[in-house]
Amino acid sequence: MKNHNDQAMESYFSAMLSEPSSTEGSVKTLTEDIHPQPENLQQLPPTLPETLIFSEQQQAPEEDIDVAPGALSESAEQSEQVTAWKNLDLGNEFQVLFFEVAGLQFAVPLTDLGGIHHLDSSLNTLFGKPDWFSGVMTHNDVLFNIVDTAKWINTGDSAESLNYTHYILLGSTAWGLSCEKLVGTEMLTPAQIKWRKVPGKRPWIAGMVKDKMCALIHAEELVRLLDSGINIYGH
């Protein structure tokens, strides 16, 4: 039987998939009803694929840091470029990583995951960026742009109220999504996903994992939005 938390999460992501005419108010109401998952959630396996790289905590760089490659686009021409939307084709079986933000659970295919690193006080903030842009982190002399994921999806929470522990890299890009908890990995089949047929207003959602009631992230489309400097509502 579904508990209150399951029903709230299912309503939240179902609303995203169905593209209601008015979303901002409904998202706030739904997320107020969502409580954190139990502590006995499946943990990450001892051995992860090589694409999942956990970094050690680092000291903050002494020099001034500019925005990393692939950050917010300042080209109006690029932001207006229209690209045909195509949903994910992950084959007959694929593995995903589940992670948690503000009581909501998300899944990202491991094929679209560039690594996982610790998020700590070495985060460097930048001025003149959207409020969901937390700053940049350095790992192996590479700069990564860190997203305040809860603020980007407008849950009512932010880095100020949440305890982000890691950032999840989207493919080979410089974008990292902040997360509170790494839940675990799991093998899925296409039949376990409620797939989107059209991009709608949220092309970054490929579909919903049915038994988990969580969004399956379309990393390429999410990066496209981040590069354009807009949030879940196109702001």
C-alpha atoms as a PDB file:
ATOM      1  CA  MET A   1       0.000   0.000   0.000  1.00  0.00           C
ATOM      2  CA  LYS A   2       1.321   3.454  -0.880  1.00  0.00           C
ATOM      3  CA  ASN A   3       2.144   5.709   2.019  1.00  0.00           C
ATOM      4  CA  HIS A   4       1.587   9.460   2.166  1.00  0.00           C
ATOM      5  CA  ASN A   5       5.092  10.191   0.910  1.00  0.00           C
ATOM      6  CA  ASP A   6       4.711   7.843  -2.085  1.00  0.00           C
ATOM      7  CA  GLN A   7       1.415   9.457  -3.081  1.00  0.00           C
ATOM      8  CA  ALA A   8       2.893  12.962  -2.854  1.00  0.00           C
ATOM      9  CA  MET A   9       5.909  12.021  -4.967  1.00  0.00           C
ATOM     10  CA  GLU A  10       3.727  10.294  -7.562  1.00  0.00           C
ATOM     11  CA  SER A  11       1.477  13.360  -7.778  1.00  0.00           C
ATOM     12  CA  TYR A  12       4.490  15.675  -8.119  1.00  0.00           C
ATOM     13  CA  PHE A  13       6.063  13.831 -11.041  1.00  0.00           C
ATOM     14  CA  SER A  14       2.756  12.907 -12.674  1.00  0.00           C
ATOM     15  CA  ALA A  15       1.943  16.614 -12.722  1.00  0.00           C
ATOM     16  CA  MET A  16       5.239  17.267 -14.476  1.00  0.00           C
ATOM     17  CA  LEU A  17       4.533  14.599 -17.092  1.00  0.00           C
ATOM     18  CA  SER A  18       0.973  15.765 -17.771  1.00  0.00           C
ATOM     19  CA  GLU A  19       1.988  19.437 -18.162  1.00  0.00           C
ATOM     20  CA  PRO A  20      -0.793  21.226 -16.225  1.00  0.00           C
ATOM     21  CA  SER A  21      -1.551  24.782 -17.247  1.00  0.00           C
ATOM     22  CA  SER A  22      -0.533  26.196 -13.893  1.00  0.00           C
ATOM     23  CA  THR A  23       2.439  24.568 -12.166  1.00  0.00           C
ATOM     24  CA  GLU A  24       4.171  26.930  -9.787  1.00  0.00           C
ATOM     25  CA  GLY A  25       1.439  26.852  -7.162  1.00  0.00           C
ATOM     26  CA  SER A  26       0.892  23.092  -7.405  1.00  0.00           C
ATOM     27  CA  VAL A  27       4.587  22.293  -7.045  1.00  0.00           C
ATOM     28  CA  LYS A  28       4.850  24.307  -3.859  1.00  0.00           C
ATOM     29  CA  THR A  29       1.767  22.652  -2.370  1.00  0.00           C
ATOM     30  CA  LEU A  30       2.868  19.139  -3.234  1.00  0.00           C
ATOM     31  CA  THR A  31       6.402  19.501  -1.985  1.00  0.00           C
ATOM     32  CA  GLU A  32       5.175  20.794   1.361  1.00  0.00           C
ATOM     33  CA  ASP A  33       3.571  17.366   1.864  1.00  0.00           C
ATOM     34  CA  ILE A  34       6.728  15.420   1.070  1.00  0.00           C
ATOM     35  CA  HIS A  35       8.822  14.045   3.907  1.00  0.00           C
ATOM     36  CA  PRO A  36      12.308  12.487   3.735  1.00  0.00           C
ATOM     37  CA  GLN A  37      12.596   8.819   2.835  1.00  0.00           C
ATOM     38  CA  PRO A  38      13.289   6.245   5.609  1.00  0.00           C
ATOM     39  CA  GLU A  39      16.876   5.796   6.668  1.00  0.00           C
ATOM     40  CA  ASN A  40      17.008   2.164   5.552  1.00  0.00           C
ATOM     41  CA  LEU A  41      17.039   2.970   1.830  1.00  0.00           C
ATOM     42  CA  GLN A  42      19.240   0.849  -0.413  1.00  0.00           C
ATOM     43  CA  GLN A  43      22.832   1.979  -0.120  1.00  0.00           C
ATOM     44  CA  LEU A  44      25.355   2.277  -2.940  1.00  0.00           C
ATOM     45  CA  PRO A  45      27.082  -1.029  -3.674  1.00  0.00           C
ATOM     46  CA  PRO A  46      30.690  -1.406  -2.479  1.00  0.00           C
ATOM     47  CA  THR A  47      31.974  -1.442  -6.064  1.00  0.00           C
ATOM     48  CA  LEU A  48      30.671   1.089  -8.577  1.00  0.00           C
ATOM     49  CA  PRO A  49      31.349   1.410 -12.318  1.00  0.00           C
ATOM     50  CA  GLU A  50      34.463   3.370 -13.181  1.00  0.00           C
ATOM     51  CA  THR A  51      32.343   6.287 -14.396  1.00  0.00           C
ATOM     52  CA  LEU A  52      31.321   6.942 -10.808  1.00  0.00           C
ATOM     53  CA  ILE A  53      34.307   8.655  -9.250  1.00  0.00           C
ATOM     54  CA  PHE A  54      34.231   9.815  -5.656  1.00  0.00           C
ATOM     55  CA  SER A  55      36.623  12.663  -4.960  1.00  0.00           C
ATOM     56  CA  GLU A  56      38.412  13.600  -1.765  1.00  0.00           C
ATOM     57  CA  GLN A  57      37.666  16.892  -0.077  1.00  0.00           C
ATOM     58  CA  GLN A  58      39.814  19.695  -1.411  1.00  0.00           C
ATOM     59  CA  GLN A  59      41.092  23.072  -0.342  1.00  0.00           C
ATOM     60  CA  ALA A  60      39.554  26.108  -1.957  1.00  0.00           C
ATOM     61  CA  PRO A  61      41.727  27.499  -4.799  1.00  0.00           C
ATOM     62  CA  GLU A  62      43.603  30.667  -3.924  1.00  0.00           C
ATOM     63  CA  GLU A  63      43.242  32.305  -7.331  1.00  0.00           C
ATOM     64  CA  ASP A  64      40.080  33.967  -8.625  1.00  0.00           C
ATOM     65  CA  ILE A  65      37.938  31.511 -10.553  1.00  0.00           C
ATOM     66  CA  ASP A  66      35.983  32.391 -13.640  1.00  0.00           C
ATOM     67  CA  VAL A  67      32.974  30.429 -14.820  1.00  0.00           C
ATOM     68  CA  ALA A  68      33.809  26.972 -16.130  1.00  0.00           C
ATOM     69  CA  PRO A  69      33.517  25.909 -19.776  1.00  0.00           C
ATOM     70  CA  GLY A  70      29.931  25.091 -20.723  1.00  0.00           C
ATOM     71  CA  ALA A  71      28.521  27.556 -18.189  1.00  0.00           C
ATOM     72  CA  LEU A  72      25.741  30.054 -18.770  1.00  0.00           C
ATOM     73  CA  SER A  73      25.521  31.053 -22.403  1.00  0.00           C
ATOM     74  CA  GLU A  74      25.645  34.768 -23.121  1.00  0.00           C
ATOM     75  CA  SER A  75      24.771  34.298 -26.780  1.00  0.00           C
ATOM     76  CA  ALA A  76      21.156  35.134 -27.595  1.00  0.00           C
ATOM     77  CA  GLU A  77      21.528  33.298 -30.875  1.00  0.00           C
ATOM     78  CA  GLN A  78      22.540  30.100 -29.102  1.00  0.00           C
ATOM     79  CA  SER A  79      19.729  30.340 -26.523  1.00  0.00           C
ATOM     80  CA  GLU A  80      17.154  30.711 -29.306  1.00  0.00           C
ATOM     81  CA  GLN A  81      18.433  27.719 -31.253  1.00  0.00           C
ATOM     82  CA  VAL A  82      15.739  25.110 -31.661  1.00  0.00           C
ATOM     83  CA  THR A  83      16.763  21.462 -31.565  1.00  0.00           C
ATOM     84  CA  ALA A  84      14.406  18.571 -32.207  1.00  0.00           C
ATOM     85  CA  TRP A  85      13.572  16.710 -28.996  1.00  0.00           C
ATOM     86  CA  LYS A  86      14.224  12.993 -28.898  1.00  0.00           C
ATOM     87  CA  ASN A  87      13.662  10.794 -25.881  1.00  0.00           C
ATOM     88  CA  LEU A  88      16.259   8.418 -24.471  1.00  0.00           C
ATOM     89  CA  ASP A  89      17.003   5.109 -26.155  1.00  0.00           C
ATOM     90  CA  LEU A  90      18.644   2.996 -23.474  1.00  0.00           C
ATOM     91  CA  GLY A  91      18.201  -0.471 -24.928  1.00  0.00           C
ATOM     92  CA  ASN A  92      16.501  -3.481 -23.382  1.00  0.00           C
ATOM     93  CA  GLU A  93      18.180  -3.070 -19.997  1.00  0.00           C
ATOM     94  CA  PHE A  94      20.005  -0.170 -18.402  1.00  0.00           C
ATOM     95  CA  GLN A  95      21.386   0.862 -15.018  1.00  0.00           C
ATOM     96  CA  VAL A  96      20.469   4.066 -13.210  1.00  0.00           C
ATOM     97  CA  LEU A  97      21.653   5.929 -10.138  1.00  0.00           C
ATOM     98  CA  PHE A  98      18.964   7.079  -7.705  1.00  0.00           C
ATOM     99  CA  PHE A  99      19.617  10.221  -5.671  1.00  0.00           C
ATOM    100  CA  GLU A 100      17.572  12.413  -3.366  1.00  0.00           C
ATOM    101  CA  VAL A 101      16.945  16.153  -3.201  1.00  0.00           C
ATOM    102  CA  ALA A 102      14.490  17.849  -0.813  1.00  0.00           C
ATOM    103  CA  GLY A 103      12.615  14.590  -0.196  1.00  0.00           C
ATOM    104  CA  LEU A 104      12.270  13.905  -3.913  1.00  0.00           C
ATOM    105  CA  GLN A 105      14.024  11.034  -5.618  1.00  0.00           C
ATOM    106  CA  PHE A 106      15.511  11.232  -9.119  1.00  0.00           C
ATOM    107  CA  ALA A 107      17.163   8.716 -11.439  1.00  0.00           C
ATOM    108  CA  VAL A 108      19.911   9.293 -14.004  1.00  0.00           C
ATOM    109  CA  PRO A 109      21.174   6.624 -16.436  1.00  0.00           C
ATOM    110  CA  LEU A 110      24.771   5.659 -15.743  1.00  0.00           C
ATOM    111  CA  THR A 111      25.511   6.218 -19.426  1.00  0.00           C
ATOM    112  CA  ASP A 112      24.717   9.905 -18.847  1.00  0.00           C
ATOM    113  CA  LEU A 113      26.673  10.209 -15.618  1.00  0.00           C
ATOM    114  CA  GLY A 114      30.175  11.668 -15.664  1.00  0.00           C
ATOM    115  CA  GLY A 115      31.079  11.116 -12.017  1.00  0.00           C
ATOM    116  CA  ILE A 116      30.187  11.878  -8.408  1.00  0.00           C
ATOM    117  CA  HIS A 117      32.249  14.162  -6.205  1.00  0.00           C
ATOM    118  CA  HIS A 118      32.053  15.468  -2.664  1.00  0.00           C
ATOM    119  CA  LEU A 119      30.544  18.907  -2.223  1.00  0.00           C
ATOM    120  CA  ASP A 120      32.242  20.897   0.517  1.00  0.00           C
ATOM    121  CA  SER A 121      33.247  24.379   1.649  1.00  0.00           C
ATOM    122  CA  SER A 122      35.647  24.806  -1.272  1.00  0.00           C
ATOM    123  CA  LEU A 123      32.674  25.823  -3.407  1.00  0.00           C
ATOM    124  CA  ASN A 124      33.393  29.251  -4.910  1.00  0.00           C
ATOM    125  CA  THR A 125      30.396  31.507  -5.490  1.00  0.00           C
ATOM    126  CA  LEU A 126      30.137  33.797  -8.510  1.00  0.00           C
ATOM    127  CA  PHE A 127      28.228  37.059  -8.856  1.00  0.00           C
ATOM    128  CA  GLY A 128      25.799  37.877 -11.634  1.00  0.00           C
ATOM    129  CA  LYS A 129      24.502  34.332 -12.054  1.00  0.00           C
ATOM    130  CA  PRO A 130      20.960  32.926 -11.560  1.00  0.00           C
ATOM    131  CA  ASP A 131      19.990  32.229  -7.962  1.00  0.00           C
ATOM    132  CA  TRP A 132      20.085  28.476  -8.662  1.00  0.00           C
ATOM    133  CA  PHE A 133      23.764  28.676  -9.682  1.00  0.00           C
ATOM    134  CA  SER A 134      25.609  27.763  -6.465  1.00  0.00           C
ATOM    135  CA  GLY A 135      29.132  28.358  -7.770  1.00  0.00           C
ATOM    136  CA  VAL A 136      32.089  26.341  -9.059  1.00  0.00           C
ATOM    137  CA  MET A 137      34.099  23.442  -7.680  1.00  0.00           C
ATOM    138  CA  THR A 138      37.575  22.330  -8.734  1.00  0.00           C
ATOM    139  CA  HIS A 139      38.495  18.675  -9.215  1.00  0.00           C
ATOM    140  CA  ASN A 140      41.789  17.614 -10.824  1.00  0.00           C
ATOM    141  CA  ASP A 141      42.264  21.183 -12.089  1.00  0.00           C
ATOM    142  CA  VAL A 142      38.883  21.110 -13.843  1.00  0.00           C
ATOM    143  CA  LEU A 143      36.115  23.550 -12.945  1.00  0.00           C
ATOM    144  CA  PHE A 144      32.545  22.342 -12.544  1.00  0.00           C
ATOM    145  CA  ASN A 145      29.404  24.480 -12.369  1.00  0.00           C
ATOM    146  CA  ILE A 146      27.272  23.460  -9.377  1.00  0.00           C
ATOM    147  CA  VAL A 147      23.488  23.669  -9.509  1.00  0.00           C
ATOM    148  CA  ASP A 148      21.332  24.232  -6.430  1.00  0.00           C
ATOM    149  CA  THR A 149      19.033  21.446  -7.624  1.00  0.00           C
ATOM    150  CA  ALA A 150      16.180  22.067  -5.176  1.00  0.00           C
ATOM    151  CA  LYS A 151      16.057  25.743  -6.121  1.00  0.00           C
ATOM    152  CA  TRP A 152      16.269  24.931  -9.837  1.00  0.00           C
ATOM    153  CA  ILE A 153      13.210  22.663  -9.659  1.00  0.00           C
ATOM    154  CA  ASN A 154      11.494  25.159  -7.333  1.00  0.00           C
ATOM    155  CA  THR A 155      10.729  22.902  -4.354  1.00  0.00           C
ATOM    156  CA  GLY A 156      10.796  25.801  -1.917  1.00  0.00           C
ATOM    157  CA  ASP A 157      14.111  24.585  -0.495  1.00  0.00           C
ATOM    158  CA  SER A 158      17.677  25.576  -1.354  1.00  0.00           C
ATOM    159  CA  ALA A 159      21.299  25.065  -0.346  1.00  0.00           C
ATOM    160  CA  GLU A 160      20.595  27.282   2.678  1.00  0.00           C
ATOM    161  CA  SER A 161      18.035  24.852   4.107  1.00  0.00           C
ATOM    162  CA  LEU A 162      19.390  21.527   2.801  1.00  0.00           C
ATOM    163  CA  ASN A 163      22.517  19.506   3.525  1.00  0.00           C
ATOM    164  CA  TYR A 164      24.003  18.840   0.100  1.00  0.00           C
ATOM    165  CA  THR A 165      26.771  16.232   0.261  1.00  0.00           C
ATOM    166  CA  HIS A 166      27.706  15.471  -3.375  1.00  0.00           C
ATOM    167  CA  TYR A 167      27.402  16.789  -6.895  1.00  0.00           C
ATOM    168  CA  ILE A 168      26.522  14.525  -9.789  1.00  0.00           C
ATOM    169  CA  LEU A 169      28.145  15.334 -13.128  1.00  0.00           C
ATOM    170  CA  LEU A 170      25.995  15.233 -16.237  1.00  0.00           C
ATOM    171  CA  GLY A 171      27.944  13.316 -18.870  1.00  0.00           C
ATOM    172  CA  SER A 172      31.145  14.947 -20.065  1.00  0.00           C
ATOM    173  CA  THR A 173      29.816  18.456 -19.402  1.00  0.00           C
ATOM    174  CA  ALA A 174      30.899  20.885 -16.686  1.00  0.00           C
ATOM    175  CA  TRP A 175      27.498  20.782 -14.934  1.00  0.00           C
ATOM    176  CA  GLY A 176      26.996  19.119 -11.545  1.00  0.00           C
ATOM    177  CA  LEU A 177      23.680  18.629  -9.727  1.00  0.00           C
ATOM    178  CA  SER A 178      23.808  19.032  -5.952  1.00  0.00           C
ATOM    179  CA  CYS A 179      22.225  16.173  -4.038  1.00  0.00           C
ATOM    180  CA  GLU A 180      21.593  15.309  -0.413  1.00  0.00           C
ATOM    181  CA  LYS A 181      21.720  11.541  -0.600  1.00  0.00           C
ATOM    182  CA  LEU A 182      22.996   8.860  -2.975  1.00  0.00           C
ATOM    183  CA  VAL A 183      20.333   6.178  -2.729  1.00  0.00           C
ATOM    184  CA  GLY A 184      21.788   3.430  -4.917  1.00  0.00           C
ATOM    185  CA  THR A 185      21.993   1.891  -8.376  1.00  0.00           C
ATOM    186  CA  GLU A 186      19.519  -0.446 -10.028  1.00  0.00           C
ATOM    187  CA  MET A 187      19.038  -2.249 -13.336  1.00  0.00           C
ATOM    188  CA  LEU A 188      15.824  -1.284 -15.151  1.00  0.00           C
ATOM    189  CA  THR A 189      13.954  -2.204 -18.333  1.00  0.00           C
ATOM    190  CA  PRO A 190      11.936   0.153 -20.580  1.00  0.00           C
ATOM    191  CA  ALA A 191       8.699  -1.428 -19.319  1.00  0.00           C
ATOM    192  CA  GLN A 192       9.435  -0.019 -15.849  1.00  0.00           C
ATOM    193  CA  ILE A 193       9.337   3.548 -17.167  1.00  0.00           C
ATOM    194  CA  LYS A 194       6.332   5.721 -17.998  1.00  0.00           C
ATOM    195  CA  TRP A 195       7.930   7.420 -21.020  1.00  0.00           C
ATOM    196  CA  ARG A 196       7.210  10.879 -22.315  1.00  0.00           C
ATOM    197  CA  LYS A 197       6.033  11.079 -25.913  1.00  0.00           C
ATOM    198  CA  VAL A 198       6.504  14.836 -26.363  1.00  0.00           C
ATOM    199  CA  PRO A 199       8.917  17.266 -24.665  1.00  0.00           C
ATOM    200  CA  GLY A 200       6.227  19.565 -23.257  1.00  0.00           C
ATOM    201  CA  LYS A 201       7.451  22.256 -20.899  1.00  0.00           C
ATOM    202  CA  ARG A 202       9.911  19.937 -19.152  1.00  0.00           C
ATOM    203  CA  PRO A 203      12.041  18.248 -21.795  1.00  0.00           C
ATOM    204  CA  TRP A 204      14.576  17.325 -19.091  1.00  0.00           C
ATOM    205  CA  ILE A 205      12.246  14.578 -17.817  1.00  0.00           C
ATOM    206  CA  ALA A 206      12.454  11.464 -19.994  1.00  0.00           C
ATOM    207  CA  GLY A 207       9.746   9.710 -17.986  1.00  0.00           C
ATOM    208  CA  MET A 208       8.867   8.376 -14.551  1.00  0.00           C
ATOM    209  CA  VAL A 209      10.173   5.211 -12.900  1.00  0.00           C
ATOM    210  CA  LYS A 210       6.871   3.567 -12.024  1.00  0.00           C
ATOM    211  CA  ASP A 211       7.679   1.657  -8.846  1.00  0.00           C
ATOM    212  CA  LYS A 212       9.869   4.458  -7.436  1.00  0.00           C
ATOM    213  CA  MET A 213       7.595   7.317  -8.506  1.00  0.00           C
ATOM    214  CA  CYS A 214      10.582   9.418  -9.473  1.00  0.00           C
ATOM    215  CA  ALA A 215      11.681  11.305 -12.562  1.00  0.00           C
ATOM    216  CA  LEU A 216      14.151   9.784 -15.012  1.00  0.00           C
ATOM    217  CA  ILE A 217      16.465  12.615 -16.052  1.00  0.00           C
ATOM    218  CA  HIS A 218      17.131  13.387 -19.713  1.00  0.00           C
ATOM    219  CA  ALA A 219      20.658  14.711 -19.147  1.00  0.00           C
ATOM    220  CA  GLU A 220      21.175  16.178 -22.619  1.00  0.00           C
ATOM    221  CA  GLU A 221      18.030  18.284 -22.381  1.00  0.00           C
ATOM    222  CA  LEU A 222      18.794  19.320 -18.812  1.00  0.00           C
ATOM    223  CA  VAL A 223      22.242  20.532 -19.859  1.00  0.00           C
ATOM    224  CA  ARG A 224      20.645  22.462 -22.722  1.00  0.00           C
ATOM    225  CA  LEU A 225      18.481  24.350 -20.221  1.00  0.00           C
ATOM    226  CA  LEU A 226      21.377  24.965 -17.854  1.00  0.00           C
ATOM    227  CA  ASP A 227      23.544  26.286 -20.679  1.00  0.00           C
ATOM    228  CA  SER A 228      20.733  28.699 -21.534  1.00  0.00           C
ATOM    229  CA  GLY A 229      20.653  29.934 -17.934  1.00  0.00           C
ATOM    230  CA  ILE A 230      17.013  29.050 -17.281  1.00  0.00           C
ATOM    231  CA  ASN A 231      15.303  27.048 -14.543  1.00  0.00           C
ATOM    232  CA  ILE A 232      12.439  24.548 -14.557  1.00  0.00           C
ATOM    233  CA  TYR A 233       9.959  27.248 -15.580  1.00  0.00           C
ATOM    234  CA  GLY A 234      12.178  28.821 -18.245  1.00  0.00           C
ATOM    235  CA  HIS A 235      13.176  31.798 -16.068  1.00  0.00           C
END
